[in-house]
Protein backbone atom coordinates (compact mmCIF):
# COMPACT_ATOMS: atom_id res chain seq x y z
CA MET A 1 109.08 102.51 -22.75
CA GLY A 2 109.65 100.58 -19.54
CA ILE A 3 107.10 99.44 -16.99
CA VAL A 4 105.64 102.15 -14.76
CA VAL A 5 103.43 100.81 -11.97
CA GLY A 6 100.87 102.88 -10.12
CA VAL A 7 99.33 101.49 -6.95
CA ASP A 8 96.33 102.58 -4.91
CA PHE A 9 96.81 102.86 -1.13
CA ASP A 10 93.79 102.08 1.05
CA ASN A 11 92.76 98.40 1.02
CA THR A 12 95.30 97.69 -1.71
CA LEU A 13 98.56 97.99 0.22
CA LEU A 14 97.18 97.69 3.72
CA ASN A 15 94.38 95.61 5.14
CA TYR A 16 91.76 97.31 7.32
CA ASP A 17 89.30 94.41 7.50
CA ASP A 18 89.72 93.84 11.25
CA VAL A 19 89.63 97.58 11.95
CA PHE A 20 86.39 98.06 10.01
CA PHE A 21 84.88 94.96 11.62
CA HIS A 22 85.68 95.95 15.21
CA ARG A 23 84.55 99.54 14.69
CA ALA A 24 81.18 98.36 13.34
CA LEU A 25 80.97 95.90 16.25
CA ASP A 26 81.74 98.64 18.81
CA LEU A 27 78.96 100.77 17.31
CA GLY A 28 76.49 97.87 17.60
CA LEU A 29 75.93 97.69 13.84
CA ILE A 30 76.82 94.00 13.55
CA ASN A 31 77.21 91.08 15.95
CA ASP A 32 80.39 89.18 16.68
CA SER A 33 79.23 86.14 14.70
CA ALA A 34 79.54 88.03 11.42
CA VAL A 35 82.53 87.26 9.21
CA LEU A 36 82.77 90.10 6.74
CA HIS A 37 85.37 91.63 4.50
CA LYS A 38 85.40 95.39 4.07
CA ARG A 39 83.37 95.37 0.83
CA GLN A 40 80.73 93.06 2.33
CA LEU A 41 80.56 95.17 5.48
CA ARG A 42 80.14 98.35 3.43
CA GLU A 43 77.21 96.83 1.54
CA ARG A 44 75.52 95.75 4.78
CA ILE A 45 76.01 99.09 6.58
CA ARG A 46 74.68 101.06 3.63
CA LEU A 47 71.37 99.18 3.85
CA LEU A 48 70.77 100.52 7.38
CA PRO A 49 68.86 103.75 8.09
CA ASP A 50 71.34 106.60 7.48
CA GLY A 51 73.66 103.86 6.27
CA GLU A 52 75.75 106.07 3.99
CA LEU A 53 76.47 108.51 6.84
CA LEU A 54 77.28 105.63 9.20
CA TRP A 55 79.70 104.20 6.68
CA GLN A 56 81.42 107.58 6.25
CA GLN A 57 81.78 107.87 10.03
CA ILE A 58 83.33 104.40 10.22
CA GLN A 59 85.74 105.28 7.42
CA ALA A 60 86.71 108.52 9.16
CA TYR A 61 87.71 106.56 12.26
CA VAL A 62 89.47 103.74 10.41
CA TYR A 63 91.57 106.03 8.21
CA THR A 64 92.66 108.25 11.12
CA LYS A 65 92.93 106.69 14.59
CA GLY A 66 92.34 103.16 13.33
CA ILE A 67 95.11 103.11 10.73
CA VAL A 68 97.70 102.07 13.33
CA GLN A 69 95.86 98.74 13.61
CA ALA A 70 95.97 98.07 9.86
CA HIS A 71 98.57 95.64 8.56
CA LEU A 72 100.65 95.40 5.42
CA ILE A 73 99.16 92.90 2.99
CA ASN A 74 101.24 89.79 2.37
CA GLY A 75 103.42 90.09 -0.71
CA VAL A 76 103.45 93.91 -0.93
CA LYS A 77 106.97 94.29 0.43
CA GLU A 78 108.34 91.60 -1.87
CA PHE A 79 106.66 93.28 -4.86
CA PHE A 80 108.24 96.66 -4.21
CA ILE A 81 111.63 95.07 -3.57
CA SER A 82 111.33 93.32 -6.94
CA CYS A 83 110.47 96.64 -8.59
CA CYS A 84 113.60 98.21 -7.11
CA ARG A 85 115.72 95.27 -8.23
CA GLU A 86 114.32 95.32 -11.76
CA ASP A 87 114.45 99.13 -11.99
CA VAL A 88 110.68 99.36 -12.43
CA ARG A 89 109.33 102.80 -11.58
CA THR A 90 106.57 102.70 -8.98
CA PHE A 91 104.18 105.29 -7.63
CA ILE A 92 101.45 105.28 -5.00
CA VAL A 93 98.43 107.26 -6.21
CA SER A 94 95.58 107.53 -3.73
CA HIS A 95 92.20 109.26 -3.78
CA LYS A 96 92.49 110.70 -0.28
CA THR A 97 91.29 114.10 0.86
CA MET A 98 93.27 115.93 3.51
CA TYR A 99 90.44 115.62 6.05
CA ALA A 100 87.43 113.33 6.39
CA PRO A 101 84.20 115.34 5.83
CA VAL A 102 82.52 113.77 8.88
CA ALA A 103 85.56 113.73 11.21
CA PRO A 104 84.91 116.17 14.07
CA ASN A 105 88.55 116.28 15.20
CA GLN A 106 89.90 116.97 11.68
CA ILE A 107 92.86 114.61 11.79
CA ASN A 108 94.96 114.90 8.65
CA LEU A 109 94.34 111.70 6.67
CA ARG A 110 97.38 112.14 4.46
CA GLU A 111 99.76 112.65 7.36
CA ARG A 112 98.41 109.51 9.05
CA ALA A 113 98.90 107.53 5.84
CA LEU A 114 102.50 108.74 5.48
CA ASP A 115 103.18 107.93 9.14
CA TRP A 116 101.91 104.39 8.54
CA MET A 117 104.12 104.02 5.46
CA LYS A 118 107.16 105.20 7.39
CA ALA A 119 106.42 102.76 10.23
CA ASN A 120 106.10 99.91 7.73
CA GLY A 121 109.36 100.46 5.90
CA PHE A 122 108.15 102.01 2.65
CA PHE A 123 110.87 104.66 2.68
CA ASP A 124 113.70 102.56 4.14
CA ARG A 125 116.65 102.05 1.82
CA MET A 126 116.89 98.44 3.03
CA GLY A 127 113.11 98.07 2.98
CA MET A 128 110.86 98.89 0.05
CA GLY A 129 113.08 101.71 -1.18
CA LEU A 130 110.41 104.26 -2.09
CA ASN A 131 110.93 107.99 -1.92
CA ILE A 132 108.20 110.16 -0.44
CA THR A 133 108.10 112.02 -3.78
CA GLN A 134 106.66 108.82 -5.30
CA VAL A 135 103.49 109.17 -3.21
CA TYR A 136 100.55 111.24 -4.47
CA PHE A 137 97.31 112.00 -2.66
CA GLU A 138 94.54 113.40 -4.83
CA SER A 139 91.33 115.05 -3.63
CA THR A 140 89.04 113.56 -6.28
CA ARG A 141 88.89 110.41 -8.38
CA LYS A 142 89.21 112.55 -11.50
CA GLU A 143 92.46 114.04 -10.18
CA LYS A 144 93.70 110.56 -9.34
CA ILE A 145 93.12 109.43 -12.92
CA GLU A 146 94.83 112.55 -14.28
CA ARG A 147 97.84 111.78 -12.10
CA ILE A 148 97.96 108.22 -13.50
CA LYS A 149 98.08 109.72 -16.99
CA VAL A 150 100.76 112.30 -16.11
CA LEU A 151 102.99 109.66 -14.53
CA GLY A 152 102.72 107.51 -17.64
CA CYS A 153 101.62 104.39 -15.78
CA THR A 154 101.63 101.23 -17.86
CA HIS A 155 99.94 99.27 -15.04
CA PHE A 156 97.60 100.36 -12.24
CA ILE A 157 96.60 98.27 -9.24
CA ASP A 158 93.45 99.14 -7.30
CA ASP A 159 90.90 97.42 -5.09
CA LEU A 160 88.01 99.49 -6.50
CA GLN A 161 86.75 98.38 -9.89
CA GLU A 162 84.87 101.68 -10.21
CA VAL A 163 88.16 103.49 -10.83
CA PHE A 164 88.80 101.45 -13.97
CA LEU A 165 85.24 102.00 -15.20
CA GLU A 166 85.56 105.79 -15.28
CA ASP A 167 85.37 107.13 -18.85
CA GLU A 168 88.55 109.15 -18.29
CA PHE A 169 90.65 106.15 -17.23
CA PRO A 170 93.33 105.63 -19.91
CA SER A 171 92.56 102.61 -22.06
CA GLY A 172 96.22 101.72 -22.60
CA VAL A 173 96.92 101.13 -18.92
CA LYS A 174 96.78 97.50 -17.76
CA LYS A 175 94.04 97.36 -15.13
CA VAL A 176 94.76 95.03 -12.21
CA LEU A 177 91.98 94.65 -9.65
CA TYR A 178 93.22 93.46 -6.26
CA SER A 179 90.32 91.40 -4.91
CA PRO A 180 90.96 88.69 -2.27
CA ASP A 181 87.40 87.43 -2.78
CA LEU A 182 87.83 87.37 -6.58
CA GLU A 183 85.20 89.96 -7.44
CA LYS A 184 83.87 89.36 -10.94
CA PRO A 185 85.26 91.89 -13.43
CA VAL A 186 82.69 94.02 -15.24
CA ARG A 187 84.84 94.27 -18.36
CA GLY A 188 87.24 91.93 -20.09
CA ASP A 189 90.21 94.30 -19.89
CA ILE A 190 90.28 94.11 -16.07
CA VAL A 191 92.58 91.46 -14.63
CA VAL A 192 91.56 90.17 -11.19
CA ALA A 193 94.25 89.09 -8.72
CA ASP A 194 93.44 87.66 -5.30
CA SER A 195 96.99 88.03 -3.95
CA TRP A 196 100.10 90.12 -4.42
CA ARG A 197 101.87 87.02 -5.69
CA LYS A 198 99.41 87.03 -8.60
CA ILE A 199 99.96 90.75 -9.07
CA HIS A 200 103.72 90.13 -9.20
CA GLU A 201 103.17 87.54 -11.95
CA CYS A 202 100.86 89.88 -13.85
CA VAL A 203 103.38 92.73 -13.89
CA PHE A 204 106.62 90.83 -14.39
CA ASN A 205 105.39 88.10 -16.74
């Protein structure tokens, strides 16, 4: 069987760090001297009164109106081009509900994500060469893991270690954690990569 690569979407293919930071700054939750990545910011916000709700509200903004300010992570385009060249099947599998539970204007999260992918060349024949049928949005983490199984992924790339720690996650899939700050893996079967260049080496070597 050949290589089949599944890839998460949010914070794995696109970087929202600046969008999260400026939204938290606009809401007065941090000051402009803070230098925080998304995971660090999440941990800080959640410690505030009603922190979990505040974090959900920030996410609702970032993943709808704020997504236009997100940027493609360095090395992603080159990775997908390599997959096309080497005839490696690739899929994007994202845990993304259709609407954010706390979003009052009910902007469709999935449509915004697809719009961003179109604008960034994911579906261009001379770009990354994906077909829209290779993109899956699942409403729950359990459904995301079931999709990974159905697609027969040999590798899965995600920025959330929790996905790999789910009991239902298939043991035979190579688990690649994208973590620019080199988060320590909880288990020995999780490979940590701080760049897409490292991910490229992990998959193709």
